Amino acid sequence: MMEEIIRKVLEELKALEEKNKMKKKMMVLSRDAASCENIINRFSDAYDVLFAKSFREEDAPDALVLKDLTPDELMLLAEGKNGCLGPVMEWLMAGKPVYLEPESLAHVKNKETCKKTLFDLYENAVKTLKSYGVLLVYEEKRQKGAPEAGKSSGRNLVTEREVKSTITKGEKTICVTKQTLITPLAKDLMKEYGICTVLKEGGKDHADR
């Protein structure tokens, strides 16, 4: 009996090890790994999350997250230049996923004191990056008050068919709510293709595709 239990445990450990080997890698470009808890929470099911100040293509991550960019880095990227971050533009041109967390940008953090013309300058840079294919990712925070009447609150159920449709469209996110149920087959497919959920509450998406 004990031998059978040990055998099953070893089989499960081996299966888990193989699964982790197959897990994709996401590199977060940030100066402060301690501030990246929300990134880990959002993507850890689909990726092994690594941190670096810059990257090289030979590092071979499967996705990039841009976080805590300086104003200079933001403007250089908007001009199609990499700067010291590594080959971000080449990454985009290759059609590989690049995410940006706008709430970590200096002009957003200092919105109350930043002059409107300066704020608009950097916001236009963010919009330019979005037009290049950069995906905007926001922190998942519950909105105060009840959801607005008549607003869509996302899917109640995500199935394998919906995930396949998302993959076919070339999208990387699926809009959900706290109440959304995801079928096991859908979860497996999402992990395999790096599809992430986007929390939607109060009629407002918390990530921008």
Protein backbone atom coordinates (compact mmCIF):
# COMPACT_ATOMS: atom_id res chain seq x y z
CA MET A 1 0.00 0.00 0.00
CA MET A 2 2.77 2.43 0.96
CA GLU A 3 4.72 1.56 -2.18
CA GLU A 4 1.67 2.38 -4.30
CA ILE A 5 1.27 5.78 -2.59
CA ILE A 6 4.95 6.58 -3.09
CA ARG A 7 4.70 5.56 -6.77
CA LYS A 8 1.72 7.86 -7.33
CA VAL A 9 3.43 10.77 -5.57
CA LEU A 10 6.54 10.31 -7.70
CA GLU A 11 4.42 10.18 -10.86
CA GLU A 12 2.69 13.43 -9.89
CA LEU A 13 6.00 15.12 -9.11
CA LYS A 14 7.41 14.02 -12.45
CA ALA A 15 4.31 15.29 -14.28
CA LEU A 16 4.58 18.62 -12.43
CA GLU A 17 8.26 18.90 -13.34
CA GLU A 18 7.50 18.26 -17.01
CA LYS A 19 4.71 20.82 -16.91
CA ASN A 20 7.02 23.47 -15.44
CA LYS A 21 9.59 22.75 -18.14
CA MET A 22 6.95 23.50 -20.76
CA LYS A 23 5.89 26.75 -19.10
CA LYS A 24 6.64 29.87 -21.11
CA LYS A 25 8.91 32.62 -19.82
CA MET A 26 7.91 36.24 -19.32
CA MET A 27 10.57 38.88 -18.70
CA VAL A 28 9.59 42.00 -16.78
CA LEU A 29 11.87 44.94 -17.51
CA SER A 30 11.89 46.84 -14.23
CA ARG A 31 14.30 48.38 -11.75
CA ASP A 32 12.27 47.19 -8.77
CA ALA A 33 11.20 43.54 -8.72
CA ALA A 34 9.53 44.10 -5.33
CA SER A 35 6.90 46.32 -6.99
CA CYS A 36 5.85 43.66 -9.47
CA GLU A 37 3.49 41.58 -7.33
CA ASN A 38 0.48 42.37 -9.51
CA ILE A 39 2.37 41.26 -12.62
CA ILE A 40 3.22 37.96 -10.95
CA ASN A 41 -0.38 37.45 -9.85
CA ARG A 42 -1.73 38.19 -13.33
CA PHE A 43 0.66 36.08 -15.40
CA SER A 44 2.09 33.36 -13.12
CA ASP A 45 -0.39 30.71 -14.31
CA ALA A 46 0.77 31.07 -17.90
CA TYR A 47 4.42 32.12 -17.47
CA ASP A 48 7.52 31.78 -15.37
CA VAL A 49 8.08 35.47 -14.53
CA LEU A 50 11.66 36.75 -14.62
CA PHE A 51 13.01 40.23 -13.91
CA ALA A 52 15.75 42.26 -15.59
CA LYS A 53 16.73 45.88 -16.30
CA SER A 54 17.36 45.05 -19.96
CA PHE A 55 17.32 41.98 -22.16
CA ARG A 56 18.96 40.36 -25.15
CA GLU A 57 17.14 38.29 -27.74
CA GLU A 58 19.30 35.31 -26.79
CA ASP A 59 17.66 35.46 -23.34
CA ALA A 60 14.70 33.97 -25.26
CA PRO A 61 11.67 35.02 -23.19
CA ASP A 62 8.25 34.38 -24.71
CA ALA A 63 6.80 37.76 -23.66
CA LEU A 64 7.98 41.12 -22.33
CA VAL A 65 6.47 43.49 -19.78
CA LEU A 66 7.62 47.12 -19.70
CA LYS A 67 7.34 48.55 -16.20
CA ASP A 68 8.68 51.65 -14.43
CA LEU A 69 9.91 53.21 -17.69
CA THR A 70 11.58 56.59 -17.31
CA PRO A 71 10.19 59.48 -19.41
CA ASP A 72 13.24 59.23 -21.67
CA GLU A 73 12.74 55.48 -22.21
CA LEU A 74 9.06 56.02 -22.96
CA MET A 75 9.77 58.72 -25.55
CA LEU A 76 12.55 56.71 -27.21
CA LEU A 77 10.27 53.73 -27.64
CA ALA A 78 7.54 55.97 -29.09
CA GLU A 79 10.13 57.15 -31.64
CA GLY A 80 10.87 53.54 -32.58
CA LYS A 81 14.19 53.45 -30.72
CA ASN A 82 15.22 50.80 -28.20
CA GLY A 83 17.51 52.77 -25.93
CA CYS A 84 19.02 50.71 -23.11
CA LEU A 85 16.07 48.32 -22.74
CA GLY A 86 17.16 45.90 -25.42
CA PRO A 87 15.61 45.02 -28.80
CA VAL A 88 11.99 45.89 -27.92
CA MET A 89 11.22 47.17 -31.42
CA GLU A 90 12.57 44.00 -33.03
CA TRP A 91 10.45 42.03 -30.58
CA LEU A 92 7.33 43.90 -31.70
CA MET A 93 8.19 43.55 -35.37
CA ALA A 94 8.47 39.79 -34.83
CA GLY A 95 4.88 39.79 -33.56
CA LYS A 96 5.83 38.74 -30.03
CA PRO A 97 3.74 39.98 -27.07
CA VAL A 98 4.90 43.14 -25.30
CA TYR A 99 2.91 44.51 -22.36
CA LEU A 100 3.13 47.93 -20.72
CA GLU A 101 1.86 48.83 -17.25
CA PRO A 102 0.85 52.53 -17.64
CA GLU A 103 0.24 53.02 -13.91
CA SER A 104 3.97 52.51 -13.28
CA LEU A 105 4.93 55.47 -15.53
CA ALA A 106 6.20 58.68 -13.92
CA HIS A 107 3.66 61.03 -15.48
CA VAL A 108 0.78 58.82 -14.29
CA LYS A 109 2.17 58.56 -10.76
CA ASN A 110 2.54 62.35 -10.69
CA LYS A 111 -0.71 63.17 -12.48
CA GLU A 112 -1.87 65.57 -9.75
CA THR A 113 1.19 67.81 -10.10
CA CYS A 114 2.18 67.21 -13.73
CA LYS A 115 1.32 70.03 -16.15
CA LYS A 116 -1.39 69.01 -18.60
CA THR A 117 0.73 69.69 -21.69
CA LEU A 118 3.52 67.50 -20.32
CA PHE A 119 1.09 64.80 -19.22
CA ASP A 120 -0.52 64.81 -22.69
CA LEU A 121 2.92 64.50 -24.30
CA TYR A 122 3.65 61.27 -22.47
CA GLU A 123 0.09 59.97 -22.88
CA ASN A 124 0.47 60.42 -26.64
CA ALA A 125 3.66 58.37 -26.42
CA VAL A 126 1.70 55.59 -24.69
CA LYS A 127 -0.94 55.76 -27.44
CA THR A 128 1.80 55.49 -30.04
CA LEU A 129 3.19 52.37 -28.37
CA LYS A 130 -0.32 50.93 -28.33
CA SER A 131 -0.56 51.55 -32.08
CA TYR A 132 2.69 49.59 -32.47
CA GLY A 133 1.00 46.58 -30.86
CA VAL A 134 1.97 47.06 -27.21
CA LEU A 135 -0.75 45.73 -24.88
CA LEU A 136 -1.68 47.93 -21.91
CA VAL A 137 -2.07 46.14 -18.59
CA TYR A 138 -3.60 47.77 -15.54
CA GLU A 139 -3.60 46.68 -11.92
CA GLU A 140 -6.63 44.63 -10.98
CA LYS A 141 -8.45 46.85 -8.48
CA ARG A 142 -12.12 46.65 -7.49
CA GLN A 143 -14.04 49.75 -8.45
CA LYS A 144 -15.97 51.52 -5.70
CA GLY A 145 -19.76 51.29 -5.92
CA ALA A 146 -21.97 48.97 -7.92
CA PRO A 147 -21.46 48.25 -11.61
CA GLU A 148 -23.14 50.69 -13.97
CA ALA A 149 -26.52 49.59 -15.24
CA GLY A 150 -26.57 48.32 -18.80
CA LYS A 151 -22.82 47.84 -18.98
CA SER A 152 -21.35 44.52 -20.03
CA SER A 153 -19.68 42.72 -17.14
CA GLY A 154 -17.77 40.17 -19.18
CA ARG A 155 -18.45 36.49 -19.78
CA ASN A 156 -20.06 34.25 -17.17
CA LEU A 157 -18.39 31.18 -18.70
CA VAL A 158 -15.23 30.75 -20.74
CA THR A 159 -15.06 27.54 -22.76
CA GLU A 160 -12.42 25.89 -24.93
CA ARG A 161 -14.27 27.18 -28.02
CA GLU A 162 -13.98 30.81 -26.85
CA VAL A 163 -10.27 30.39 -26.14
CA LYS A 164 -9.72 28.93 -29.62
CA SER A 165 -11.59 31.90 -31.08
CA THR A 166 -9.33 34.27 -29.14
CA ILE A 167 -6.23 32.49 -30.45
CA THR A 168 -7.54 32.61 -34.02
CA LYS A 169 -8.07 36.37 -33.74
CA GLY A 170 -4.49 36.79 -32.54
CA GLU A 171 -5.64 38.23 -29.21
CA LYS A 172 -3.92 37.58 -25.89
CA THR A 173 -6.60 38.47 -23.33
CA ILE A 174 -10.14 37.38 -22.40
CA CYS A 175 -12.45 39.72 -20.49
CA VAL A 176 -13.89 38.17 -17.31
CA THR A 177 -15.47 39.15 -14.00
CA LYS A 178 -14.94 37.81 -10.48
CA GLN A 179 -17.88 35.47 -11.10
CA THR A 180 -16.67 34.08 -14.43
CA LEU A 181 -16.12 30.32 -14.56
CA ILE A 182 -13.37 28.93 -16.82
CA THR A 183 -13.65 25.29 -17.87
CA PRO A 184 -10.61 23.02 -17.25
CA LEU A 185 -10.02 22.52 -21.00
CA ALA A 186 -10.16 26.28 -21.51
CA LYS A 187 -7.62 26.82 -18.70
CA ASP A 188 -5.22 24.29 -20.22
CA LEU A 189 -5.48 25.95 -23.63
CA MET A 190 -4.99 29.42 -22.14
CA LYS A 191 -1.82 28.28 -20.37
CA GLU A 192 -0.51 26.63 -23.53
CA TYR A 193 -0.95 29.77 -25.65
CA GLY A 194 -0.26 32.41 -22.98
CA ILE A 195 -3.81 33.79 -22.98
CA CYS A 196 -4.51 35.96 -19.91
CA THR A 197 -7.73 37.08 -18.26
CA VAL A 198 -8.67 40.75 -17.95
CA LEU A 199 -10.82 41.68 -14.98
CA LYS A 200 -13.80 43.87 -15.83
CA GLU A 201 -15.82 45.54 -13.08
CA GLY A 202 -17.97 48.62 -12.85
CA GLY A 203 -18.30 48.73 -16.64
CA LYS A 204 -14.59 49.37 -17.06
CA ASP A 205 -11.84 47.08 -18.30
CA HIS A 206 -8.75 46.79 -16.12
CA ALA A 207 -6.59 45.95 -19.10
CA ASP A 208 -6.56 47.43 -22.56
CA ARG A 209 -6.02 45.15 -25.50
